Amino acid sequence: MTDAGPRKGSTESAADLGHLTVPKASDVLADHLRQQILDGRLPEGSALPVERELATSVGLGRGTVRDALRVLEIEGLVVTRPGRAGGSFVRRPDTRTFERSLHVLVNGRGVRFQSLLETREALEPAAARLAALHHTPEDLEVLQERAAALESAVGNVPAFLQCNVEWHIAVGAAGHNEIIEAIVNSLSRVILHSTEIEDFNSAQTMSDTLKAHDRILAAISAGDGDKAASAMTKHVHGYVSMLEAYQLPEDVPL
């Protein structure tokens, strides 16, 4: 009779087993705690057991527990406070969580500055459209306040750039889409670090920025999504074109 397959213990059979990768205990614990935080079983602000108690509870070493908590802290899901009243406390994800992740991605992967500009150019018109369609009276008030602050900052490059970022972030927030808000917020702050160029941010550039913002804000106030998106497209595209003329470095300096 002919064999139906390889014999037990043969080289071919052993090779079929493949290589097993066993997850680190700290990663397993981090996954377990992360899921409980995201599910709401561990409410925001609640204190986790102290390191020693947590290690005893889950049957792992204190070093493993410490590594798991460090991962969650980097992700923004846990905050550690020193002192006698300190410890590890649960924090729910927010836009700052995404911003931190974007910073890690940009730094760790060497993301090109051009990639960030392209993303902003694609996304901000959509943010302006949503702002026109979904803004509240309070959103308009914030946008007007940010516009006034920007105008007051003309002539002071660092202040002007910071106020400009806050205005764009307010547009993202006015659309009431949490994902777009988080991305616009993060992109704007990352790009800010690479555009503090005195001669680029001339009086003419600042004047043009104010006029563009006025057009965008007028369209948002009127509830005209198409016009708001079109005005934002012209604004960010013009800004990108001017930045490209300055031949900024490929990698994003943070």
C-alpha atoms as a PDB file:
ATOM      1  CA  MET A   1       0.000   0.000   0.000  1.00  0.00           C
ATOM      2  CA  THR A   2       1.255   3.502  -0.853  1.00  0.00           C
ATOM      3  CA  ASP A   3       1.744   6.036   1.927  1.00  0.00           C
ATOM      4  CA  ALA A   4      -0.949   8.757   1.947  1.00  0.00           C
ATOM      5  CA  GLY A   5       1.471  11.397   3.177  1.00  0.00           C
ATOM      6  CA  PRO A   6       4.727  12.080   4.990  1.00  0.00           C
ATOM      7  CA  ARG A   7       5.628   9.861   7.886  1.00  0.00           C
ATOM      8  CA  LYS A   8       5.320  11.051  11.445  1.00  0.00           C
ATOM      9  CA  GLY A   9       8.455  12.892  12.464  1.00  0.00           C
ATOM     10  CA  SER A  10       9.666  13.415   8.897  1.00  0.00           C
ATOM     11  CA  THR A  11      11.495  16.609   7.912  1.00  0.00           C
ATOM     12  CA  GLU A  12       8.650  17.670   5.617  1.00  0.00           C
ATOM     13  CA  SER A  13       6.075  17.328   8.416  1.00  0.00           C
ATOM     14  CA  ALA A  14       8.175  19.358  10.821  1.00  0.00           C
ATOM     15  CA  ALA A  15       8.675  22.078   8.241  1.00  0.00           C
ATOM     16  CA  ASP A  16       4.906  22.404   7.780  1.00  0.00           C
ATOM     17  CA  LEU A  17       4.447  23.472  11.380  1.00  0.00           C
ATOM     18  CA  GLY A  18       5.879  26.899  10.714  1.00  0.00           C
ATOM     19  CA  HIS A  19       7.358  29.323  13.226  1.00  0.00           C
ATOM     20  CA  LEU A  20       5.223  30.417  16.151  1.00  0.00           C
ATOM     21  CA  THR A  21       5.423  33.963  17.453  1.00  0.00           C
ATOM     22  CA  VAL A  22       4.356  34.299  21.063  1.00  0.00           C
ATOM     23  CA  PRO A  23       3.152  37.802  22.026  1.00  0.00           C
ATOM     24  CA  LYS A  24       4.892  39.577  24.862  1.00  0.00           C
ATOM     25  CA  ALA A  25       3.043  39.439  28.153  1.00  0.00           C
ATOM     26  CA  SER A  26       3.155  43.239  28.407  1.00  0.00           C
ATOM     27  CA  ASP A  27       1.446  43.556  24.989  1.00  0.00           C
ATOM     28  CA  VAL A  28      -1.266  41.113  26.055  1.00  0.00           C
ATOM     29  CA  LEU A  29      -1.906  43.101  29.235  1.00  0.00           C
ATOM     30  CA  ALA A  30      -1.884  46.404  27.321  1.00  0.00           C
ATOM     31  CA  ASP A  31      -4.428  44.952  24.847  1.00  0.00           C
ATOM     32  CA  HIS A  32      -6.631  43.801  27.733  1.00  0.00           C
ATOM     33  CA  LEU A  33      -6.584  47.164  29.516  1.00  0.00           C
ATOM     34  CA  ARG A  34      -6.961  49.101  26.247  1.00  0.00           C
ATOM     35  CA  GLN A  35     -10.117  47.182  25.352  1.00  0.00           C
ATOM     36  CA  GLN A  36     -11.635  47.829  28.777  1.00  0.00           C
ATOM     37  CA  ILE A  37     -10.897  51.557  28.436  1.00  0.00           C
ATOM     38  CA  LEU A  38     -12.379  51.760  24.936  1.00  0.00           C
ATOM     39  CA  ASP A  39     -15.440  49.709  25.988  1.00  0.00           C
ATOM     40  CA  GLY A  40     -16.064  52.048  28.904  1.00  0.00           C
ATOM     41  CA  ARG A  41     -15.611  49.340  31.512  1.00  0.00           C
ATOM     42  CA  LEU A  42     -12.796  51.463  32.890  1.00  0.00           C
ATOM     43  CA  PRO A  43     -14.346  54.977  33.006  1.00  0.00           C
ATOM     44  CA  GLU A  44     -12.327  58.103  32.314  1.00  0.00           C
ATOM     45  CA  GLY A  45     -10.606  59.370  35.433  1.00  0.00           C
ATOM     46  CA  SER A  46     -10.763  56.042  37.242  1.00  0.00           C
ATOM     47  CA  ALA A  47      -7.589  54.974  39.009  1.00  0.00           C
ATOM     48  CA  LEU A  48      -5.909  51.725  38.053  1.00  0.00           C
ATOM     49  CA  PRO A  49      -4.575  49.549  40.877  1.00  0.00           C
ATOM     50  CA  VAL A  50      -1.058  50.426  41.938  1.00  0.00           C
ATOM     51  CA  GLU A  51       1.665  48.565  40.105  1.00  0.00           C
ATOM     52  CA  ARG A  52       2.179  45.950  42.810  1.00  0.00           C
ATOM     53  CA  GLU A  53      -1.536  45.182  43.155  1.00  0.00           C
ATOM     54  CA  LEU A  54      -2.068  45.046  39.402  1.00  0.00           C
ATOM     55  CA  ALA A  55       0.844  42.640  39.009  1.00  0.00           C
ATOM     56  CA  THR A  56      -0.616  40.335  41.694  1.00  0.00           C
ATOM     57  CA  SER A  57      -4.107  40.574  40.167  1.00  0.00           C
ATOM     58  CA  VAL A  58      -3.062  39.533  36.656  1.00  0.00           C
ATOM     59  CA  GLY A  59      -0.290  37.151  37.729  1.00  0.00           C
ATOM     60  CA  LEU A  60       2.524  38.999  35.977  1.00  0.00           C
ATOM     61  CA  GLY A  61       5.733  40.630  37.095  1.00  0.00           C
ATOM     62  CA  ARG A  62       5.893  44.303  38.016  1.00  0.00           C
ATOM     63  CA  GLY A  63       8.263  44.988  35.118  1.00  0.00           C
ATOM     64  CA  THR A  64       5.714  43.551  32.683  1.00  0.00           C
ATOM     65  CA  VAL A  65       2.953  45.682  34.208  1.00  0.00           C
ATOM     66  CA  ARG A  66       5.178  48.751  34.029  1.00  0.00           C
ATOM     67  CA  ASP A  67       5.853  48.133  30.313  1.00  0.00           C
ATOM     68  CA  ALA A  68       2.131  47.716  29.571  1.00  0.00           C
ATOM     69  CA  LEU A  69       1.253  50.955  31.358  1.00  0.00           C
ATOM     70  CA  ARG A  70       4.024  52.763  29.499  1.00  0.00           C
ATOM     71  CA  VAL A  71       2.492  51.662  26.157  1.00  0.00           C
ATOM     72  CA  LEU A  72      -0.945  52.933  27.198  1.00  0.00           C
ATOM     73  CA  GLU A  73       0.556  56.202  28.402  1.00  0.00           C
ATOM     74  CA  ILE A  74       2.244  56.753  25.033  1.00  0.00           C
ATOM     75  CA  GLU A  75      -1.122  56.083  23.355  1.00  0.00           C
ATOM     76  CA  GLY A  76      -2.741  58.704  25.583  1.00  0.00           C
ATOM     77  CA  LEU A  77      -5.081  56.203  27.262  1.00  0.00           C
ATOM     78  CA  VAL A  78      -3.419  56.404  30.660  1.00  0.00           C
ATOM     79  CA  VAL A  79      -1.927  59.362  32.486  1.00  0.00           C
ATOM     80  CA  THR A  80       0.541  58.874  35.339  1.00  0.00           C
ATOM     81  CA  ARG A  81       0.692  61.377  38.168  1.00  0.00           C
ATOM     82  CA  PRO A  82       3.542  61.381  40.694  1.00  0.00           C
ATOM     83  CA  GLY A  83       3.263  61.818  44.438  1.00  0.00           C
ATOM     84  CA  ARG A  84       1.353  60.216  47.288  1.00  0.00           C
ATOM     85  CA  ALA A  85      -2.005  60.896  45.618  1.00  0.00           C
ATOM     86  CA  GLY A  86      -0.640  59.888  42.230  1.00  0.00           C
ATOM     87  CA  GLY A  87      -0.849  56.722  40.196  1.00  0.00           C
ATOM     88  CA  SER A  88      -2.157  55.669  36.789  1.00  0.00           C
ATOM     89  CA  PHE A  89      -5.523  57.070  35.686  1.00  0.00           C
ATOM     90  CA  VAL A  90      -7.694  56.254  32.685  1.00  0.00           C
ATOM     91  CA  ARG A  91      -8.015  58.876  29.946  1.00  0.00           C
ATOM     92  CA  ARG A  92     -10.392  58.516  27.022  1.00  0.00           C
ATOM     93  CA  PRO A  93      -9.044  59.242  23.494  1.00  0.00           C
ATOM     94  CA  ASP A  94      -9.399  62.807  22.196  1.00  0.00           C
ATOM     95  CA  THR A  95      -7.951  64.914  19.376  1.00  0.00           C
ATOM     96  CA  ARG A  96      -4.681  65.178  21.289  1.00  0.00           C
ATOM     97  CA  THR A  97      -4.387  61.387  21.106  1.00  0.00           C
ATOM     98  CA  PHE A  98      -4.488  61.571  17.310  1.00  0.00           C
ATOM     99  CA  GLU A  99      -2.083  64.505  17.272  1.00  0.00           C
ATOM    100  CA  ARG A 100       0.461  62.561  19.329  1.00  0.00           C
ATOM    101  CA  SER A 101       0.092  59.574  16.996  1.00  0.00           C
ATOM    102  CA  LEU A 102       0.638  61.774  13.949  1.00  0.00           C
ATOM    103  CA  HIS A 103       3.793  63.239  15.492  1.00  0.00           C
ATOM    104  CA  VAL A 104       5.090  59.714  16.136  1.00  0.00           C
ATOM    105  CA  LEU A 105       4.270  58.678  12.555  1.00  0.00           C
ATOM    106  CA  VAL A 106       5.898  61.752  11.026  1.00  0.00           C
ATOM    107  CA  ASN A 107       9.043  61.403  13.116  1.00  0.00           C
ATOM    108  CA  GLY A 108       9.284  57.615  12.939  1.00  0.00           C
ATOM    109  CA  ARG A 109       8.625  57.258   9.220  1.00  0.00           C
ATOM    110  CA  GLY A 110      10.350  60.385   7.971  1.00  0.00           C
ATOM    111  CA  VAL A 111       7.162  61.630   6.335  1.00  0.00           C
ATOM    112  CA  ARG A 112       7.791  64.180   3.588  1.00  0.00           C
ATOM    113  CA  PHE A 113       6.582  67.694   4.309  1.00  0.00           C
ATOM    114  CA  GLN A 114       5.007  67.644   0.853  1.00  0.00           C
ATOM    115  CA  SER A 115       2.803  64.737   1.951  1.00  0.00           C
ATOM    116  CA  LEU A 116       1.378  66.796   4.793  1.00  0.00           C
ATOM    117  CA  LEU A 117       0.708  69.724   2.482  1.00  0.00           C
ATOM    118  CA  GLU A 118      -1.062  67.461  -0.016  1.00  0.00           C
ATOM    119  CA  THR A 119      -3.209  65.984   2.743  1.00  0.00           C
ATOM    120  CA  ARG A 120      -4.160  69.409   3.994  1.00  0.00           C
ATOM    121  CA  GLU A 121      -4.954  70.598   0.467  1.00  0.00           C
ATOM    122  CA  ALA A 122      -7.301  67.626  -0.002  1.00  0.00           C
ATOM    123  CA  LEU A 123      -8.957  67.789   3.406  1.00  0.00           C
ATOM    124  CA  GLU A 124      -9.479  71.439   4.348  1.00  0.00           C
ATOM    125  CA  PRO A 125     -11.986  72.226   1.564  1.00  0.00           C
ATOM    126  CA  ALA A 126     -14.124  69.372   2.881  1.00  0.00           C
ATOM    127  CA  ALA A 127     -13.788  70.807   6.390  1.00  0.00           C
ATOM    128  CA  ALA A 128     -14.948  74.224   5.144  1.00  0.00           C
ATOM    129  CA  ARG A 129     -17.920  72.643   3.357  1.00  0.00           C
ATOM    130  CA  LEU A 130     -19.002  70.838   6.525  1.00  0.00           C
ATOM    131  CA  ALA A 131     -18.534  74.024   8.562  1.00  0.00           C
ATOM    132  CA  ALA A 132     -20.895  75.849   6.192  1.00  0.00           C
ATOM    133  CA  LEU A 133     -23.490  73.095   6.486  1.00  0.00           C
ATOM    134  CA  HIS A 134     -23.305  72.262  10.198  1.00  0.00           C
ATOM    135  CA  HIS A 135     -22.006  75.304  12.107  1.00  0.00           C
ATOM    136  CA  THR A 136     -23.778  76.681  15.154  1.00  0.00           C
ATOM    137  CA  PRO A 137     -24.021  80.333  16.245  1.00  0.00           C
ATOM    138  CA  GLU A 138     -21.335  79.545  18.820  1.00  0.00           C
ATOM    139  CA  ASP A 139     -19.037  78.208  16.068  1.00  0.00           C
ATOM    140  CA  LEU A 140     -19.428  81.440  14.087  1.00  0.00           C
ATOM    141  CA  GLU A 141     -18.630  83.451  17.174  1.00  0.00           C
ATOM    142  CA  VAL A 142     -15.422  81.484  17.705  1.00  0.00           C
ATOM    143  CA  LEU A 143     -14.427  81.916  14.049  1.00  0.00           C
ATOM    144  CA  GLN A 144     -15.015  85.665  14.232  1.00  0.00           C
ATOM    145  CA  GLU A 145     -12.963  85.897  17.425  1.00  0.00           C
ATOM    146  CA  ARG A 146     -10.121  83.949  15.818  1.00  0.00           C
ATOM    147  CA  ALA A 147     -10.298  86.174  12.723  1.00  0.00           C
ATOM    148  CA  ALA A 148     -10.037  89.308  14.895  1.00  0.00           C
ATOM    149  CA  ALA A 149      -7.070  87.830  16.781  1.00  0.00           C
ATOM    150  CA  LEU A 150      -5.357  87.024  13.480  1.00  0.00           C
ATOM    151  CA  GLU A 151      -5.800  90.570  12.224  1.00  0.00           C
ATOM    152  CA  SER A 152      -4.377  91.941  15.485  1.00  0.00           C
ATOM    153  CA  ALA A 153      -1.300  89.737  15.077  1.00  0.00           C
ATOM    154  CA  VAL A 154      -0.262  91.189  11.690  1.00  0.00           C
ATOM    155  CA  GLY A 155       3.417  92.142  11.834  1.00  0.00           C
ATOM    156  CA  ASN A 156       4.269  89.540  14.493  1.00  0.00           C
ATOM    157  CA  VAL A 157       5.124  86.382  12.548  1.00  0.00           C
ATOM    158  CA  PRO A 158       5.033  83.791  15.390  1.00  0.00           C
ATOM    159  CA  ALA A 159       1.780  85.225  16.770  1.00  0.00           C
ATOM    160  CA  PHE A 160       0.243  85.471  13.299  1.00  0.00           C
ATOM    161  CA  LEU A 161       1.100  81.853  12.480  1.00  0.00           C
ATOM    162  CA  GLN A 162      -0.302  80.629  15.788  1.00  0.00           C
ATOM    163  CA  CYS A 163      -3.542  82.593  15.295  1.00  0.00           C
ATOM    164  CA  ASN A 164      -3.759  81.275  11.750  1.00  0.00           C
ATOM    165  CA  VAL A 165      -3.540  77.702  13.026  1.00  0.00           C
ATOM    166  CA  GLU A 166      -6.239  78.384  15.608  1.00  0.00           C
ATOM    167  CA  TRP A 167      -8.524  79.799  12.883  1.00  0.00           C
ATOM    168  CA  HIS A 168      -8.143  76.710  10.694  1.00  0.00           C
ATOM    169  CA  ILE A 169      -8.714  74.470  13.706  1.00  0.00           C
ATOM    170  CA  ALA A 170     -11.932  76.401  14.430  1.00  0.00           C
ATOM    171  CA  VAL A 171     -13.103  75.730  10.859  1.00  0.00           C
ATOM    172  CA  GLY A 172     -12.470  72.011  11.392  1.00  0.00           C
ATOM    173  CA  ALA A 173     -14.387  72.079  14.676  1.00  0.00           C
ATOM    174  CA  ALA A 174     -17.355  73.940  13.130  1.00  0.00           C
ATOM    175  CA  GLY A 175     -18.091  70.988  10.829  1.00  0.00           C
ATOM    176  CA  HIS A 176     -18.816  68.743  13.831  1.00  0.00           C
ATOM    177  CA  ASN A 177     -17.036  65.762  12.296  1.00  0.00           C
ATOM    178  CA  GLU A 178     -14.721  64.440  14.972  1.00  0.00           C
ATOM    179  CA  ILE A 179     -12.338  62.681  12.580  1.00  0.00           C
ATOM    180  CA  ILE A 180     -11.862  65.663  10.252  1.00  0.00           C
ATOM    181  CA  GLU A 181     -11.486  67.939  13.278  1.00  0.00           C
ATOM    182  CA  ALA A 182      -8.745  65.727  14.703  1.00  0.00           C
ATOM    183  CA  ILE A 183      -6.863  65.527  11.416  1.00  0.00           C
ATOM    184  CA  VAL A 184      -7.106  69.265  10.659  1.00  0.00           C
ATOM    185  CA  ASN A 185      -6.016  70.035  14.213  1.00  0.00           C
ATOM    186  CA  SER A 186      -3.019  67.726  14.012  1.00  0.00           C
ATOM    187  CA  LEU A 187      -1.933  68.671  10.501  1.00  0.00           C
ATOM    188  CA  SER A 188      -2.144  72.390  11.244  1.00  0.00           C
ATOM    189  CA  ARG A 189       0.023  72.124  14.339  1.00  0.00           C
ATOM    190  CA  VAL A 190       2.615  69.912  12.642  1.00  0.00           C
ATOM    191  CA  ILE A 191       2.853  72.230   9.619  1.00  0.00           C
ATOM    192  CA  LEU A 192       3.190  75.259  11.904  1.00  0.00           C
ATOM    193  CA  HIS A 193       6.618  74.066  13.031  1.00  0.00           C
ATOM    194  CA  SER A 194       7.914  74.194   9.461  1.00  0.00           C
ATOM    195  CA  THR A 195       6.582  77.562   8.285  1.00  0.00           C
ATOM    196  CA  GLU A 196       8.045  80.061  10.743  1.00  0.00           C
ATOM    197  CA  ILE A 197       9.950  81.865   7.983  1.00  0.00           C
ATOM    198  CA  GLU A 198      10.180  85.616   8.418  1.00  0.00           C
ATOM    199  CA  ASP A 199      10.564  86.676   4.777  1.00  0.00           C
ATOM    200  CA  PHE A 200       7.963  84.166   3.576  1.00  0.00           C
ATOM    201  CA  ASN A 201       5.357  85.526   5.985  1.00  0.00           C
ATOM    202  CA  SER A 202       5.576  89.034   4.554  1.00  0.00           C
ATOM    203  CA  ALA A 203       3.065  91.830   5.039  1.00  0.00           C
ATOM    204  CA  GLN A 204       1.594  90.937   1.628  1.00  0.00           C
ATOM    205  CA  THR A 205       1.230  87.264   2.590  1.00  0.00           C
ATOM    206  CA  MET A 206      -0.531  88.211   5.803  1.00  0.00           C
ATOM    207  CA  SER A 207      -2.856  90.589   3.963  1.00  0.00           C
ATOM    208  CA  ASP A 208      -3.710  87.902   1.391  1.00  0.00           C
ATOM    209  CA  THR A 209      -4.393  85.418   4.210  1.00  0.00           C
ATOM    210  CA  LEU A 210      -6.826  87.791   5.907  1.00  0.00           C
ATOM    211  CA  LYS A 211      -8.713  88.377   2.645  1.00  0.00           C
ATOM    212  CA  ALA A 212      -8.926  84.647   1.958  1.00  0.00           C
ATOM    213  CA  HIS A 213     -10.230  83.979   5.460  1.00  0.00           C
ATOM    214  CA  ASP A 214     -12.858  86.690   5.021  1.00  0.00           C
ATOM    215  CA  ARG A 215     -14.135  85.000   1.860  1.00  0.00           C
ATOM    216  CA  ILE A 216     -14.219  81.578   3.508  1.00  0.00           C
ATOM    217  CA  LEU A 217     -15.943  82.883   6.628  1.00  0.00           C
ATOM    218  CA  ALA A 218     -18.555  84.728   4.560  1.00  0.00           C
ATOM    219  CA  ALA A 219     -19.417  81.509   2.716  1.00  0.00           C
ATOM    220  CA  ILE A 220     -19.563  79.528   5.969  1.00  0.00           C
ATOM    221  CA  SER A 221     -21.815  82.147   7.548  1.00  0.00           C
ATOM    222  CA  ALA A 222     -24.124  82.005   4.514  1.00  0.00           C
ATOM    223  CA  GLY A 223     -24.325  78.225   4.722  1.00  0.00           C
ATOM    224  CA  ASP A 224     -22.925  77.867   1.186  1.00  0.00           C
ATOM    225  CA  GLY A 225     -20.923  74.640   1.273  1.00  0.00           C
ATOM    226  CA  ASP A 226     -19.777  74.747  -2.354  1.00  0.00           C
ATOM    227  CA  LYS A 227     -18.543  78.328  -2.092  1.00  0.00           C
ATOM    228  CA  ALA A 228     -16.809  77.659   1.238  1.00  0.00           C
ATOM    229  CA  ALA A 229     -15.023  74.624  -0.219  1.00  0.00           C
ATOM    230  CA  SER A 230     -14.017  76.558  -3.354  1.00  0.00           C
ATOM    231  CA  ALA A 231     -12.672  79.493  -1.349  1.00  0.00           C
ATOM    232  CA  MET A 232     -10.709  77.165   0.935  1.00  0.00           C
ATOM    233  CA  THR A 233      -9.309  75.271  -2.080  1.00  0.00           C
ATOM    234  CA  LYS A 234      -7.937  78.503  -3.552  1.00  0.00           C
ATOM    235  CA  HIS A 235      -6.543  79.550  -0.174  1.00  0.00           C
ATOM    236  CA  VAL A 236      -4.653  76.360   0.698  1.00  0.00           C
ATOM    237  CA  HIS A 237      -3.504  75.769  -2.891  1.00  0.00           C
ATOM    238  CA  GLY A 238      -2.074  79.268  -3.071  1.00  0.00           C
ATOM    239  CA  TYR A 239      -0.341  78.756   0.277  1.00  0.00           C
ATOM    240  CA  VAL A 240       1.144  75.441  -0.872  1.00  0.00           C
ATOM    241  CA  SER A 241       2.392  77.034  -4.093  1.00  0.00           C
ATOM    242  CA  MET A 242       4.173  79.763  -2.149  1.00  0.00           C
ATOM    243  CA  LEU A 243       5.730  77.248   0.230  1.00  0.00           C
ATOM    244  CA  GLU A 244       6.979  75.148  -2.677  1.00  0.00           C
ATOM    245  CA  ALA A 245       8.688  78.222  -4.093  1.00  0.00           C
ATOM    246  CA  TYR A 246      10.754  78.386  -0.912  1.00  0.00           C
ATOM    247  CA  GLN A 247      11.926  74.793  -1.402  1.00  0.00           C
ATOM    248  CA  LEU A 248      11.370  73.704   2.169  1.00  0.00           C
ATOM    249  CA  PRO A 249      13.181  70.542   3.323  1.00  0.00           C
ATOM    250  CA  GLU A 250      11.709  67.178   2.335  1.00  0.00           C
ATOM    251  CA  ASP A 251      11.558  65.878   5.908  1.00  0.00           C
ATOM    252  CA  VAL A 252       9.313  67.621   8.397  1.00  0.00           C
ATOM    253  CA  PRO A 253      11.375  69.395  11.112  1.00  0.00           C
ATOM    254  CA  LEU A 254       9.541  69.013  14.420  1.00  0.00           C
END
